[in-house]
PDB file of N, CA and C in Angstrom:
ATOM      1  N   MET A   1       2.116 -45.313  80.417  1.00  0.00           N
ATOM      2  CA  MET A   1       2.503 -46.339  79.481  1.00  0.00           C
ATOM      3  C   MET A   1       1.321 -46.721  78.582  1.00  0.00           C
ATOM      4  N   GLU A   2       0.116 -46.711  79.141  1.00  0.00           N
ATOM      5  CA  GLU A   2      -1.049 -47.085  78.345  1.00  0.00           C
ATOM      6  C   GLU A   2      -1.344 -46.045  77.264  1.00  0.00           C
ATOM      7  N   GLU A   3      -1.002 -44.772  77.501  1.00  0.00           N
ATOM      8  CA  GLU A   3      -1.209 -43.739  76.484  1.00  0.00           C
ATOM      9  C   GLU A   3      -0.363 -43.997  75.255  1.00  0.00           C
ATOM     10  N   ASN A   4       0.866 -44.459  75.455  1.00  0.00           N
ATOM     11  CA  ASN A   4       1.772 -44.708  74.337  1.00  0.00           C
ATOM     12  C   ASN A   4       1.374 -45.934  73.532  1.00  0.00           C
ATOM     13  N   MET A   5       0.546 -46.796  74.087  1.00  0.00           N
ATOM     14  CA  MET A   5       0.150 -48.012  73.386  1.00  0.00           C
ATOM     15  C   MET A   5      -1.029 -47.793  72.458  1.00  0.00           C
ATOM     16  N   LYS A   6      -1.687 -46.647  72.538  1.00  0.00           N
ATOM     17  CA  LYS A   6      -2.833 -46.377  71.678  1.00  0.00           C
ATOM     18  C   LYS A   6      -2.348 -46.030  70.268  1.00  0.00           C
ATOM     19  N   PRO A   7      -2.864 -46.697  69.228  1.00  0.00           N
ATOM     20  CA  PRO A   7      -2.422 -46.385  67.869  1.00  0.00           C
ATOM     21  C   PRO A   7      -2.999 -45.056  67.396  1.00  0.00           C
ATOM     22  N   LEU A   8      -2.330 -44.442  66.431  1.00  0.00           N
ATOM     23  CA  LEU A   8      -2.839 -43.211  65.833  1.00  0.00           C
ATOM     24  C   LEU A   8      -4.014 -43.530  64.922  1.00  0.00           C
ATOM     25  N   ARG A   9      -4.999 -42.720  64.954  1.00  0.00           N
ATOM     26  CA  ARG A   9      -6.160 -42.884  64.098  1.00  0.00           C
ATOM     27  C   ARG A   9      -5.941 -42.058  62.825  1.00  0.00           C
ATOM     28  N   PRO A  10      -6.401 -42.549  61.682  1.00  0.00           N
ATOM     29  CA  PRO A  10      -6.188 -41.790  60.446  1.00  0.00           C
ATOM     30  C   PRO A  10      -6.923 -40.455  60.427  1.00  0.00           C
ATOM     31  N   TYR A  11      -7.972 -40.331  61.220  1.00  0.00           N
ATOM     32  CA  TYR A  11      -8.733 -39.092  61.230  1.00  0.00           C
ATOM     33  C   TYR A  11      -8.186 -38.083  62.231  1.00  0.00           C
ATOM     34  N   GLU A  12      -7.209 -38.507  63.078  1.00  0.00           N
ATOM     35  CA  GLU A  12      -6.619 -37.562  64.014  1.00  0.00           C
ATOM     36  C   GLU A  12      -5.684 -36.626  63.266  1.00  0.00           C
ATOM     37  N   ARG A  13      -5.738 -35.380  63.605  1.00  0.00           N
ATOM     38  CA  ARG A  13      -4.958 -34.358  62.908  1.00  0.00           C
ATOM     39  C   ARG A  13      -3.588 -34.223  63.572  1.00  0.00           C
ATOM     40  N   ILE A  14      -2.549 -34.223  62.766  1.00  0.00           N
ATOM     41  CA  ILE A  14      -1.194 -34.023  63.262  1.00  0.00           C
ATOM     42  C   ILE A  14      -0.903 -32.533  63.222  1.00  0.00           C
ATOM     43  N   ASP A  15      -0.386 -32.003  64.312  1.00  0.00           N
ATOM     44  CA  ASP A  15      -0.160 -30.564  64.426  1.00  0.00           C
ATOM     45  C   ASP A  15       1.128 -30.187  63.695  1.00  0.00           C
ATOM     46  N   THR A  16       1.006 -29.761  62.416  1.00  0.00           N
ATOM     47  CA  THR A  16       2.178 -29.390  61.641  1.00  0.00           C
ATOM     48  C   THR A  16       2.668 -27.992  61.997  1.00  0.00           C
ATOM     49  N   LEU A  17       1.794 -27.143  62.514  1.00  0.00           N
ATOM     50  CA  LEU A  17       2.226 -25.809  62.914  1.00  0.00           C
ATOM     51  C   LEU A  17       3.190 -25.892  64.097  1.00  0.00           C
ATOM     52  N   LYS A  18       2.908 -26.781  65.027  1.00  0.00           N
ATOM     53  CA  LYS A  18       3.804 -26.964  66.165  1.00  0.00           C
ATOM     54  C   LYS A  18       5.173 -27.453  65.695  1.00  0.00           C
ATOM     55  N   GLN A  19       5.176 -28.407  64.759  1.00  0.00           N
ATOM     56  CA  GLN A  19       6.437 -28.914  64.214  1.00  0.00           C
ATOM     57  C   GLN A  19       7.199 -27.790  63.524  1.00  0.00           C
ATOM     58  N   PHE A  20       6.498 -26.961  62.759  1.00  0.00           N
ATOM     59  CA  PHE A  20       7.159 -25.855  62.063  1.00  0.00           C
ATOM     60  C   PHE A  20       7.756 -24.853  63.043  1.00  0.00           C
ATOM     61  N   LEU A  21       7.011 -24.495  64.083  1.00  0.00           N
ATOM     62  CA  LEU A  21       7.505 -23.509  65.036  1.00  0.00           C
ATOM     63  C   LEU A  21       8.672 -24.038  65.872  1.00  0.00           C
ATOM     64  N   GLU A  22       8.662 -25.319  66.185  1.00  0.00           N
ATOM     65  CA  GLU A  22       9.753 -25.891  66.977  1.00  0.00           C
ATOM     66  C   GLU A  22      11.032 -26.057  66.173  1.00  0.00           C
ATOM     67  N   HIS A  23      10.904 -26.407  64.893  1.00  0.00           N
ATOM     68  CA  HIS A  23      12.074 -26.751  64.091  1.00  0.00           C
ATOM     69  C   HIS A  23      12.343 -25.775  62.954  1.00  0.00           C
ATOM     70  N   ASP A  24      11.837 -24.552  63.050  1.00  0.00           N
ATOM     71  CA  ASP A  24      12.062 -23.576  61.990  1.00  0.00           C
ATOM     72  C   ASP A  24      13.546 -23.263  61.878  1.00  0.00           C
ATOM     73  N   ARG A  25      14.062 -23.243  60.659  1.00  0.00           N
ATOM     74  CA  ARG A  25      15.456 -22.948  60.323  1.00  0.00           C
ATOM     75  C   ARG A  25      16.432 -23.996  60.856  1.00  0.00           C
ATOM     76  N   LYS A  26      15.960 -25.204  61.142  1.00  0.00           N
ATOM     77  CA  LYS A  26      16.848 -26.296  61.542  1.00  0.00           C
ATOM     78  C   LYS A  26      16.963 -27.266  60.370  1.00  0.00           C
ATOM     79  N   VAL A  27      18.195 -27.526  59.961  1.00  0.00           N
ATOM     80  CA  VAL A  27      18.456 -28.355  58.795  1.00  0.00           C
ATOM     81  C   VAL A  27      19.524 -29.376  59.156  1.00  0.00           C
ATOM     82  N   LEU A  28      19.311 -30.618  58.746  1.00  0.00           N
ATOM     83  CA  LEU A  28      20.328 -31.645  58.894  1.00  0.00           C
ATOM     84  C   LEU A  28      21.096 -31.729  57.584  1.00  0.00           C
ATOM     85  N   ARG A  29      22.412 -31.815  57.666  1.00  0.00           N
ATOM     86  CA  ARG A  29      23.243 -31.909  56.469  1.00  0.00           C
ATOM     87  C   ARG A  29      23.988 -33.237  56.493  1.00  0.00           C
ATOM     88  N   PHE A  30      23.900 -33.973  55.385  1.00  0.00           N
ATOM     89  CA  PHE A  30      24.593 -35.244  55.249  1.00  0.00           C
ATOM     90  C   PHE A  30      25.488 -35.174  54.024  1.00  0.00           C
ATOM     91  N   TYR A  31      26.696 -35.679  54.150  1.00  0.00           N
ATOM     92  CA  TYR A  31      27.614 -35.772  53.020  1.00  0.00           C
ATOM     93  C   TYR A  31      27.493 -37.182  52.447  1.00  0.00           C
ATOM     94  N   CYS A  32      27.144 -37.268  51.168  1.00  0.00           N
ATOM     95  CA  CYS A  32      26.844 -38.556  50.537  1.00  0.00           C
ATOM     96  C   CYS A  32      27.859 -38.853  49.441  1.00  0.00           C
ATOM     97  N   TYR A  33      27.960 -40.110  49.124  1.00  0.00           N
ATOM     98  CA  TYR A  33      28.866 -40.586  48.086  1.00  0.00           C
ATOM     99  C   TYR A  33      28.103 -41.585  47.233  1.00  0.00           C
ATOM    100  N   TRP A  34      28.036 -41.346  45.926  1.00  0.00           N
ATOM    101  CA  TRP A  34      27.329 -42.228  45.008  1.00  0.00           C
ATOM    102  C   TRP A  34      28.352 -42.859  44.083  1.00  0.00           C
ATOM    103  N   ASP A  35      28.552 -44.159  44.224  1.00  0.00           N
ATOM    104  CA  ASP A  35      29.511 -44.890  43.397  1.00  0.00           C
ATOM    105  C   ASP A  35      28.764 -45.478  42.204  1.00  0.00           C
ATOM    106  N   ASP A  36      28.919 -44.851  41.046  1.00  0.00           N
ATOM    107  CA  ASP A  36      28.220 -45.264  39.827  1.00  0.00           C
ATOM    108  C   ASP A  36      29.195 -45.854  38.817  1.00  0.00           C
ATOM    109  N   THR A  37      30.275 -46.469  39.292  1.00  0.00           N
ATOM    110  CA  THR A  37      31.321 -46.959  38.393  1.00  0.00           C
ATOM    111  C   THR A  37      30.906 -48.212  37.629  1.00  0.00           C
ATOM    112  N   GLU A  38      29.856 -48.898  38.061  1.00  0.00           N
ATOM    113  CA  GLU A  38      29.432 -50.111  37.359  1.00  0.00           C
ATOM    114  C   GLU A  38      28.692 -49.803  36.063  1.00  0.00           C
ATOM    115  N   SER A  39      28.132 -48.611  35.928  1.00  0.00           N
ATOM    116  CA  SER A  39      27.467 -48.265  34.667  1.00  0.00           C
ATOM    117  C   SER A  39      28.517 -47.888  33.627  1.00  0.00           C
ATOM    118  N   MET A  40      28.101 -47.727  32.380  1.00  0.00           N
ATOM    119  CA  MET A  40      29.046 -47.573  31.275  1.00  0.00           C
ATOM    120  C   MET A  40      29.942 -46.339  31.414  1.00  0.00           C
ATOM    121  N   PHE A  41      29.368 -45.181  31.618  1.00  0.00           N
ATOM    122  CA  PHE A  41      30.156 -43.959  31.764  1.00  0.00           C
ATOM    123  C   PHE A  41      30.044 -43.395  33.171  1.00  0.00           C
ATOM    124  N   GLY A  42      29.785 -44.224  34.134  1.00  0.00           N
ATOM    125  CA  GLY A  42      29.593 -43.774  35.504  1.00  0.00           C
ATOM    126  C   GLY A  42      30.909 -43.508  36.217  1.00  0.00           C
ATOM    127  N   ASP A  43      30.854 -42.642  37.171  1.00  0.00           N
ATOM    128  CA  ASP A  43      31.998 -42.336  38.018  1.00  0.00           C
ATOM    129  C   ASP A  43      31.484 -41.956  39.398  1.00  0.00           C
ATOM    130  N   PRO A  44      32.339 -41.948  40.398  1.00  0.00           N
ATOM    131  CA  PRO A  44      31.867 -41.585  41.748  1.00  0.00           C
ATOM    132  C   PRO A  44      31.506 -40.104  41.817  1.00  0.00           C
ATOM    133  N   ARG A  45      30.452 -39.814  42.576  1.00  0.00           N
ATOM    134  CA  ARG A  45      29.999 -38.429  42.752  1.00  0.00           C
ATOM    135  C   ARG A  45      29.815 -38.137  44.225  1.00  0.00           C
ATOM    136  N   GLU A  46      30.132 -36.923  44.603  1.00  0.00           N
ATOM    137  CA  GLU A  46      29.910 -36.474  45.969  1.00  0.00           C
ATOM    138  C   GLU A  46      28.672 -35.587  45.994  1.00  0.00           C
ATOM    139  N   LEU A  47      27.812 -35.812  46.984  1.00  0.00           N
ATOM    140  CA  LEU A  47      26.555 -35.085  47.088  1.00  0.00           C
ATOM    141  C   LEU A  47      26.389 -34.554  48.502  1.00  0.00           C
ATOM    142  N   ILE A  48      25.603 -33.496  48.631  1.00  0.00           N
ATOM    143  CA  ILE A  48      25.227 -32.959  49.939  1.00  0.00           C
ATOM    144  C   ILE A  48      23.713 -33.022  50.020  1.00  0.00           C
ATOM    145  N   LEU A  49      23.206 -33.662  51.067  1.00  0.00           N
ATOM    146  CA  LEU A  49      21.774 -33.814  51.276  1.00  0.00           C
ATOM    147  C   LEU A  49      21.360 -32.927  52.436  1.00  0.00           C
ATOM    148  N   HIS A  50      20.374 -32.073  52.212  1.00  0.00           N
ATOM    149  CA  HIS A  50      19.806 -31.227  53.265  1.00  0.00           C
ATOM    150  C   HIS A  50      18.417 -31.751  53.600  1.00  0.00           C
ATOM    151  N   TYR A  51      18.172 -32.006  54.881  1.00  0.00           N
ATOM    152  CA  TYR A  51      16.863 -32.446  55.363  1.00  0.00           C
ATOM    153  C   TYR A  51      16.313 -31.359  56.266  1.00  0.00           C
ATOM    154  N   PHE A  52      15.174 -30.772  55.885  1.00  0.00           N
ATOM    155  CA  PHE A  52      14.568 -29.668  56.613  1.00  0.00           C
ATOM    156  C   PHE A  52      13.574 -30.228  57.626  1.00  0.00           C
ATOM    157  N   LEU A  53      13.827 -29.976  58.906  1.00  0.00           N
ATOM    158  CA  LEU A  53      12.999 -30.525  59.970  1.00  0.00           C
ATOM    159  C   LEU A  53      11.641 -29.838  60.071  1.00  0.00           C
ATOM    160  N   ALA A  54      11.526 -28.617  59.605  1.00  0.00           N
ATOM    161  CA  ALA A  54      10.279 -27.869  59.746  1.00  0.00           C
ATOM    162  C   ALA A  54       9.138 -28.492  58.952  1.00  0.00           C
ATOM    163  N   ASP A  55       9.429 -28.992  57.745  1.00  0.00           N
ATOM    164  CA  ASP A  55       8.351 -29.537  56.911  1.00  0.00           C
ATOM    165  C   ASP A  55       8.678 -30.905  56.316  1.00  0.00           C
ATOM    166  N   ASP A  56       9.715 -31.580  56.814  1.00  0.00           N
ATOM    167  CA  ASP A  56      10.099 -32.924  56.372  1.00  0.00           C
ATOM    168  C   ASP A  56      10.347 -32.999  54.868  1.00  0.00           C
ATOM    169  N   THR A  57      11.064 -32.024  54.334  1.00  0.00           N
ATOM    170  CA  THR A  57      11.448 -32.049  52.929  1.00  0.00           C
ATOM    171  C   THR A  57      12.954 -32.187  52.835  1.00  0.00           C
ATOM    172  N   MET A  58      13.432 -32.498  51.631  1.00  0.00           N
ATOM    173  CA  MET A  58      14.871 -32.652  51.441  1.00  0.00           C
ATOM    174  C   MET A  58      15.270 -32.159  50.051  1.00  0.00           C
ATOM    175  N   GLU A  59      16.560 -31.837  49.915  1.00  0.00           N
ATOM    176  CA  GLU A  59      17.124 -31.451  48.632  1.00  0.00           C
ATOM    177  C   GLU A  59      18.550 -31.966  48.576  1.00  0.00           C
ATOM    178  N   MET A  60      19.069 -32.132  47.352  1.00  0.00           N
ATOM    179  CA  MET A  60      20.426 -32.641  47.178  1.00  0.00           C
ATOM    180  C   MET A  60      21.193 -31.739  46.228  1.00  0.00           C
ATOM    181  N   TYR A  61      22.450 -31.475  46.579  1.00  0.00           N
ATOM    182  CA  TYR A  61      23.374 -30.726  45.744  1.00  0.00           C
ATOM    183  C   TYR A  61      24.531 -31.639  45.364  1.00  0.00           C
ATOM    184  N   GLU A  62      25.017 -31.487  44.147  1.00  0.00           N
ATOM    185  CA  GLU A  62      26.205 -32.217  43.733  1.00  0.00           C
ATOM    186  C   GLU A  62      27.423 -31.324  43.931  1.00  0.00           C
ATOM    187  N   VAL A  63      28.476 -31.876  44.509  1.00  0.00           N
ATOM    188  CA  VAL A  63      29.710 -31.133  44.705  1.00  0.00           C
ATOM    189  C   VAL A  63      30.525 -31.259  43.415  1.00  0.00           C
ATOM    190  N   VAL A  64      30.685 -30.148  42.701  1.00  0.00           N
ATOM    191  CA  VAL A  64      31.427 -30.145  41.442  1.00  0.00           C
ATOM    192  C   VAL A  64      32.703 -29.343  41.655  1.00  0.00           C
ATOM    193  N   LEU A  65      33.817 -30.013  41.511  1.00  0.00           N
ATOM    194  CA  LEU A  65      35.104 -29.348  41.684  1.00  0.00           C
ATOM    195  C   LEU A  65      35.444 -28.529  40.448  1.00  0.00           C
ATOM    196  N   PRO A  66      36.207 -27.458  40.597  1.00  0.00           N
ATOM    197  CA  PRO A  66      36.607 -26.669  39.421  1.00  0.00           C
ATOM    198  C   PRO A  66      37.478 -27.509  38.484  1.00  0.00           C
ATOM    199  N   ASN A  67      37.317 -27.300  37.194  1.00  0.00           N
ATOM    200  CA  ASN A  67      38.059 -28.000  36.151  1.00  0.00           C
ATOM    201  C   ASN A  67      37.857 -29.509  36.192  1.00  0.00           C
ATOM    202  N   SER A  68      36.668 -29.953  36.599  1.00  0.00           N
ATOM    203  CA  SER A  68      36.393 -31.388  36.634  1.00  0.00           C
ATOM    204  C   SER A  68      35.761 -31.879  35.323  1.00  0.00           C
ATOM    205  N   GLY A  69      35.401 -30.950  34.448  1.00  0.00           N
ATOM    206  CA  GLY A  69      34.797 -31.333  33.184  1.00  0.00           C
ATOM    207  C   GLY A  69      33.290 -31.483  33.255  1.00  0.00           C
ATOM    208  N   ARG A  70      32.690 -31.153  34.375  1.00  0.00           N
ATOM    209  CA  ARG A  70      31.240 -31.260  34.537  1.00  0.00           C
ATOM    210  C   ARG A  70      30.641 -29.865  34.604  1.00  0.00           C
ATOM    211  N   ASP A  71      29.415 -29.745  34.107  1.00  0.00           N
ATOM    212  CA  ASP A  71      28.688 -28.490  34.247  1.00  0.00           C
ATOM    213  C   ASP A  71      28.170 -28.379  35.673  1.00  0.00           C
ATOM    214  N   ALA A  72      28.258 -27.195  36.238  1.00  0.00           N
ATOM    215  CA  ALA A  72      27.761 -26.966  37.594  1.00  0.00           C
ATOM    216  C   ALA A  72      26.265 -26.712  37.522  1.00  0.00           C
ATOM    217  N   VAL A  73      25.484 -27.710  37.924  1.00  0.00           N
ATOM    218  CA  VAL A  73      24.032 -27.555  37.976  1.00  0.00           C
ATOM    219  C   VAL A  73      23.661 -27.064  39.366  1.00  0.00           C
ATOM    220  N   PRO A  74      22.613 -26.245  39.474  1.00  0.00           N
ATOM    221  CA  PRO A  74      22.283 -25.692  40.786  1.00  0.00           C
ATOM    222  C   PRO A  74      21.869 -26.751  41.806  1.00  0.00           C
ATOM    223  N   LYS A  75      21.053 -27.720  41.397  1.00  0.00           N
ATOM    224  CA  LYS A  75      20.598 -28.741  42.337  1.00  0.00           C
ATOM    225  C   LYS A  75      20.541 -30.095  41.650  1.00  0.00           C
ATOM    226  N   PHE A  76      20.870 -31.136  42.378  1.00  0.00           N
ATOM    227  CA  PHE A  76      20.756 -32.494  41.889  1.00  0.00           C
ATOM    228  C   PHE A  76      19.322 -32.989  42.028  1.00  0.00           C
ATOM    229  N   LEU A  77      18.671 -32.613  43.149  1.00  0.00           N
ATOM    230  CA  LEU A  77      17.284 -32.952  43.417  1.00  0.00           C
ATOM    231  C   LEU A  77      16.642 -31.759  44.082  1.00  0.00           C
ATOM    232  N   HIS A  78      15.568 -31.231  43.499  1.00  0.00           N
ATOM    233  CA  HIS A  78      14.919 -30.053  44.047  1.00  0.00           C
ATOM    234  C   HIS A  78      14.234 -30.375  45.372  1.00  0.00           C
ATOM    235  N   ARG A  79      14.024 -29.352  46.173  1.00  0.00           N
ATOM    236  CA  ARG A  79      13.422 -29.522  47.489  1.00  0.00           C
ATOM    237  C   ARG A  79      11.988 -30.009  47.371  1.00  0.00           C
ATOM    238  N   GLY A  80      11.696 -31.044  48.122  1.00  0.00           N
ATOM    239  CA  GLY A  80      10.349 -31.598  48.129  1.00  0.00           C
ATOM    240  C   GLY A  80      10.277 -32.819  49.010  1.00  0.00           C
ATOM    241  N   LYS A  81       9.087 -33.328  49.165  1.00  0.00           N
ATOM    242  CA  LYS A  81       8.892 -34.541  49.959  1.00  0.00           C
ATOM    243  C   LYS A  81       9.119 -35.748  49.065  1.00  0.00           C
ATOM    244  N   LEU A  82       9.695 -36.781  49.640  1.00  0.00           N
ATOM    245  CA  LEU A  82       9.874 -38.029  48.914  1.00  0.00           C
ATOM    246  C   LEU A  82       8.789 -39.000  49.343  1.00  0.00           C
ATOM    247  N   PRO A  83       8.247 -39.748  48.384  1.00  0.00           N
ATOM    248  CA  PRO A  83       7.242 -40.747  48.767  1.00  0.00           C
ATOM    249  C   PRO A  83       7.899 -41.889  49.532  1.00  0.00           C
ATOM    250  N   LYS A  84       7.136 -42.481  50.437  1.00  0.00           N
ATOM    251  CA  LYS A  84       7.670 -43.606  51.216  1.00  0.00           C
ATOM    252  C   LYS A  84       7.780 -44.841  50.372  1.00  0.00           C
TER     253      LYS A  84
END
C-alpha cells in the first residue's frame, strides 16, 4: 500500500515501449453524436471515434450516408494526441 502512495516524479521515465507491446493493434471505438442544431446552418452529425491504446492517440470519422448532400471527407479529425 505504501508503494502506491508515492507520487510520480517528473524525471522518472514512463515505459512507452511496454505500453506499445501490450496494447499493439488494440483500438477502442466509440459512436458519437454531435447536435449542432443551435447554430445557423447546423444539423446533427454522427461520428466514429477511434482511440488507439498503443500510443494514446485518437481520430474521428464522420458517418456520411449516401445521397445526404454532404461531401465524403476521409477524416473529421486526423490521428494525433489531444492536449489536456
